Protein backbone atom coordinates (compact mmCIF):
# COMPACT_ATOMS: atom_id res chain seq x y z
CA UNK A 1 212.87 127.65 150.01
CA UNK A 2 209.11 127.58 150.61
CA UNK A 3 208.50 125.60 147.42
CA UNK A 4 211.16 123.07 148.35
CA UNK A 5 209.64 122.70 151.82
CA UNK A 6 206.17 122.18 150.38
CA UNK A 7 207.40 119.57 147.91
CA UNK A 8 209.31 117.70 150.60
CA UNK A 9 206.33 117.71 152.94
CA UNK A 10 204.15 116.39 150.11
CA UNK A 11 206.56 113.48 149.75
CA UNK A 12 206.30 112.73 153.46
CA UNK A 13 202.52 113.05 153.56
CA UNK A 14 201.78 110.71 150.67
CA UNK A 15 204.38 108.18 151.77
CA UNK A 16 207.76 108.46 150.11
CA UNK A 17 209.94 105.39 149.84
CA UNK A 18 213.01 104.52 151.85
CA UNK A 19 213.93 106.30 155.07
CA UNK A 20 211.38 109.07 154.49
CA UNK A 21 208.50 106.60 154.63
CA UNK A 22 208.72 106.23 158.44
CA UNK A 23 206.22 108.86 159.60
CA UNK A 24 204.24 108.96 162.85
CA UNK A 25 201.18 110.97 163.88
CA UNK A 26 201.77 113.56 166.62
CA UNK A 27 199.71 115.53 169.13
CA UNK A 28 200.53 118.03 171.86
CA UNK A 29 200.85 121.77 172.50
CA UNK A 30 203.09 124.56 171.27
CA UNK A 31 203.99 127.47 173.56
CA UNK A 32 205.17 130.74 172.02
CA UNK A 33 207.07 133.24 174.18
CA UNK A 34 207.54 136.71 172.59
CA UNK A 35 211.01 138.21 172.67
CA UNK A 36 211.73 141.40 174.59
CA UNK A 37 212.26 143.13 171.23
CA UNK A 38 208.83 142.01 169.94
CA UNK A 39 207.06 143.04 173.12
CA UNK A 40 208.89 146.37 172.98
CA UNK A 41 208.21 147.33 169.36
CA UNK A 42 204.53 146.42 169.68
CA UNK A 43 204.08 148.34 172.93
CA UNK A 44 206.01 151.35 171.66
CA UNK A 45 203.63 151.63 168.71
CA UNK A 46 200.44 151.00 170.67
CA UNK A 47 199.72 147.53 169.29
CA UNK A 48 198.15 144.99 171.67
CA UNK A 49 198.09 141.20 171.23
CA UNK A 50 195.44 138.79 172.51
CA UNK A 51 194.75 135.08 171.96
CA UNK A 52 191.76 133.99 169.87
CA UNK A 53 189.95 130.69 169.38
CA UNK A 54 191.49 127.85 171.36
CA UNK A 55 194.73 129.71 172.06
CA UNK A 56 195.41 130.75 175.65
CA UNK A 57 197.71 133.27 177.37
CA UNK A 58 199.67 132.73 180.56
CA UNK A 59 202.59 134.62 182.10
CA UNK A 60 203.39 136.49 178.88
CA UNK A 61 203.32 133.38 176.67
CA UNK A 62 200.68 131.94 174.33
CA UNK A 63 199.75 128.25 174.04
CA UNK A 64 198.28 126.62 170.93
CA UNK A 65 196.87 123.05 170.83
CA UNK A 66 198.22 120.92 167.99
CA UNK A 67 195.27 120.02 165.75
CA UNK A 68 197.24 117.57 163.62
CA UNK A 69 200.84 116.67 163.08
CA UNK A 70 203.24 114.14 161.67
CA UNK A 71 206.98 113.68 161.77
CA UNK A 72 209.88 111.35 161.26
CA UNK A 73 210.44 109.62 164.64
CA UNK A 74 214.20 109.88 164.26
CA UNK A 75 214.47 113.55 163.26
CA UNK A 76 210.94 114.91 163.91
CA UNK A 77 211.05 116.76 160.64
CA UNK A 78 207.49 117.16 159.41
CA UNK A 79 204.47 119.36 160.02
CA UNK A 80 202.49 120.64 163.02
CA UNK A 81 199.10 122.34 162.48
CA UNK A 82 197.67 124.36 165.38
CA UNK A 83 194.32 125.61 166.60
CA UNK A 84 193.68 129.20 167.66
CA UNK A 85 195.47 132.40 166.76
CA UNK A 86 196.47 135.92 167.79
CA UNK A 87 194.68 139.24 167.27
CA UNK A 88 196.76 142.40 166.83
CA UNK A 89 194.89 145.65 167.60
CA UNK A 90 195.52 149.38 167.59
CA UNK A 91 192.50 151.64 167.91
CA UNK A 92 189.97 150.69 165.23
CA UNK A 93 192.55 148.69 163.25
CA UNK A 94 192.99 144.98 163.89
CA UNK A 95 194.05 141.75 162.22
CA UNK A 96 193.90 138.10 163.19
CA UNK A 97 196.52 135.50 162.29
CA UNK A 98 195.44 131.95 163.05
CA UNK A 99 195.80 128.22 162.42
CA UNK A 100 199.57 128.25 162.43
CA UNK A 101 201.34 125.47 160.51
CA UNK A 102 204.99 124.80 161.27
CA UNK A 103 206.85 122.99 158.48
CA UNK A 104 210.30 121.59 159.12
CA UNK A 105 212.39 119.66 156.60
CA UNK A 106 216.00 118.63 157.17
CA UNK A 107 218.44 120.40 154.89
CA UNK A 108 215.86 122.91 153.66
CA UNK A 109 214.92 124.86 156.75
CA UNK A 110 211.60 125.63 158.39
CA UNK A 111 208.80 128.18 158.22
CA UNK A 112 205.62 129.05 160.10
CA UNK A 113 202.54 129.57 157.94
CA UNK A 114 199.41 131.40 159.11
CA UNK A 115 195.95 132.31 157.83
CA UNK A 116 194.57 135.85 157.75
CA UNK A 117 190.78 135.35 157.71
CA UNK A 118 188.74 137.76 155.63
CA UNK A 119 191.48 138.50 153.10
CA UNK A 120 191.47 137.13 149.59
CA UNK A 121 194.34 135.21 148.08
CA UNK A 122 194.23 131.81 149.77
CA UNK A 123 197.40 129.87 148.96
CA UNK A 124 198.12 131.71 145.73
CA UNK A 125 201.74 132.37 146.69
CA UNK A 126 202.24 128.74 147.72
CA UNK A 127 200.74 127.45 144.48
CA UNK A 128 203.05 129.72 142.48
CA UNK A 129 206.05 128.55 144.48
CA UNK A 130 205.17 124.89 143.89
CA UNK A 131 204.72 125.46 140.16
CA UNK A 132 208.12 127.13 140.01
CA UNK A 133 209.70 124.30 142.01
CA UNK A 134 208.21 121.67 139.68
CA UNK A 135 209.68 123.44 136.65
CA UNK A 136 213.12 123.80 138.24
CA UNK A 137 213.21 120.32 139.82
CA UNK A 138 211.37 117.93 137.48
CA UNK A 139 212.83 114.82 139.12
CA UNK A 140 211.47 115.80 142.56
CA UNK A 141 208.11 116.70 141.04
CA UNK A 142 208.02 113.28 139.36
CA UNK A 143 208.66 111.57 142.71
CA UNK A 144 205.75 113.48 144.27
CA UNK A 145 203.41 112.46 141.43
CA UNK A 146 204.55 108.83 141.62
CA UNK A 147 204.04 108.73 145.40
CA UNK A 148 200.60 110.29 144.98
CA UNK A 149 199.61 107.56 142.52
CA UNK A 150 200.82 104.84 144.87
CA UNK A 151 198.97 106.32 147.87
CA UNK A 152 195.68 107.71 146.52
CA UNK A 153 193.84 107.71 149.87
CA UNK A 154 196.54 109.72 151.65
CA UNK A 155 196.74 112.05 148.67
CA UNK A 156 192.99 112.71 148.78
CA UNK A 157 193.19 113.51 152.50
CA UNK A 158 196.12 115.84 151.85
CA UNK A 159 194.39 117.68 149.01
CA UNK A 160 191.20 118.08 151.03
CA UNK A 161 193.14 119.46 154.01
CA UNK A 162 195.01 121.93 151.79
CA UNK A 163 191.78 123.02 150.06
CA UNK A 164 190.11 123.61 153.44
CA UNK A 165 193.11 125.47 154.87
CA UNK A 166 193.62 127.70 151.84
CA UNK A 167 189.90 128.48 151.58
CA UNK A 168 189.67 130.15 154.98
CA UNK A 169 191.68 133.27 154.14
CA UNK A 170 195.02 134.46 152.84
CA UNK A 171 197.94 132.21 153.79
CA UNK A 172 201.27 133.90 154.48
CA UNK A 173 204.70 132.94 155.77
CA UNK A 174 204.56 134.45 159.25
CA UNK A 175 208.10 133.62 160.35
CA UNK A 176 211.27 131.74 159.58
CA UNK A 177 212.27 129.15 162.17
CA UNK A 178 215.93 129.05 163.18
CA UNK A 179 218.10 127.35 165.82
CA UNK A 180 215.98 124.19 165.63
CA UNK A 181 216.51 121.74 168.48
CA UNK A 182 215.01 118.46 169.73
CA UNK A 183 215.07 116.71 173.09
CA UNK A 184 213.61 113.20 173.09
CA UNK A 185 211.44 111.87 175.89
CA UNK A 186 209.19 108.87 176.46
CA UNK A 187 206.78 108.57 173.52
CA UNK A 188 207.59 112.07 172.27
CA UNK A 189 209.93 115.03 172.21
CA UNK A 190 210.38 118.70 172.99
CA UNK A 191 210.94 120.65 169.77
CA UNK A 192 212.18 124.23 169.96
CA UNK A 193 212.99 127.07 167.57
CA UNK A 194 213.56 130.80 167.37
CA UNK A 195 211.17 132.81 165.19
CA UNK A 196 212.21 135.65 162.87
CA UNK A 197 209.51 137.87 161.35
CA UNK A 198 208.90 137.50 157.61
CA UNK A 199 208.51 140.42 155.19
CA UNK A 200 204.80 139.59 154.76
CA UNK A 201 204.20 139.64 158.51
CA UNK A 202 206.21 142.85 158.94
CA UNK A 203 203.97 144.61 156.41
CA UNK A 204 200.90 143.41 158.31
CA UNK A 205 202.18 144.73 161.65
CA UNK A 206 203.16 148.07 160.09
CA UNK A 207 199.69 148.41 158.56
CA UNK A 208 198.06 147.89 161.95
CA UNK A 209 200.51 150.27 163.64
CA UNK A 210 199.95 152.88 160.93
CA UNK A 211 203.69 153.49 160.71
CA UNK A 212 207.02 151.74 160.26
CA UNK A 213 207.18 149.71 163.45
CA UNK A 214 209.27 146.69 162.45
CA UNK A 215 211.25 145.14 159.60
CA UNK A 216 211.65 141.64 158.26
CA UNK A 217 214.07 139.52 160.26
CA UNK A 218 213.12 141.00 163.62
CA UNK A 219 213.24 138.40 166.44
CA UNK A 220 209.69 137.38 167.34
CA UNK A 221 210.51 135.01 170.18
CA UNK A 222 210.82 131.29 170.85
CA UNK A 223 208.47 128.35 170.36
CA UNK A 224 208.48 125.03 172.19
CA UNK A 225 206.34 122.13 171.01
CA UNK A 226 205.76 119.25 173.42
CA UNK A 227 204.68 116.42 171.16
CA UNK A 228 203.68 112.82 171.80
CA UNK A 229 203.08 109.98 169.38
CA UNK A 230 199.41 109.14 168.79
CA UNK A 231 198.66 105.51 169.66
């Protein structure tokens, strides 16, 4: 699914033809509210969570400014990249997950990516997934290459952004996004989703906790993104 999402987002970014070509730039803020289950399993295992960078905490929720985003104005499928992160700590063990990127594509689902600074690996898993997708779906891969040739400037910006993002640490799938919803408003929308912990993120939390604290699929909480169209 991740490879299909990445390929579809590439089509949107470099300017696919037809209905997909209508893409607008977005800005705003995403607020994440942990579920009672997430707060409980972290507290029960002595793991604390604090905002880092430009993220802020208020009334049990965390807010992350949107650094860059784009989406289809009709469906708001697309991508939202955020500033800031969260630090998980227990005793002398800690880990930071930061620069969250939410990717949403109609018919394929949605995921939340995150960087873990200081760890090697970059986007190795994403590159492997894209290679596998290209082999299994040659027609889609051909459309991506054709769109890239037709829009070289956008493609260069995309490749530079990916290189920069992948070079800052290991990139993992932090969560799967489910129950996606959208409420339109003047010049923008309120996007919402439930987050379910990925296997990669569960292993990270268990490593910090020093024991089996959580499993993949655990409910992390809800996210609401208030986005507006950039003039």
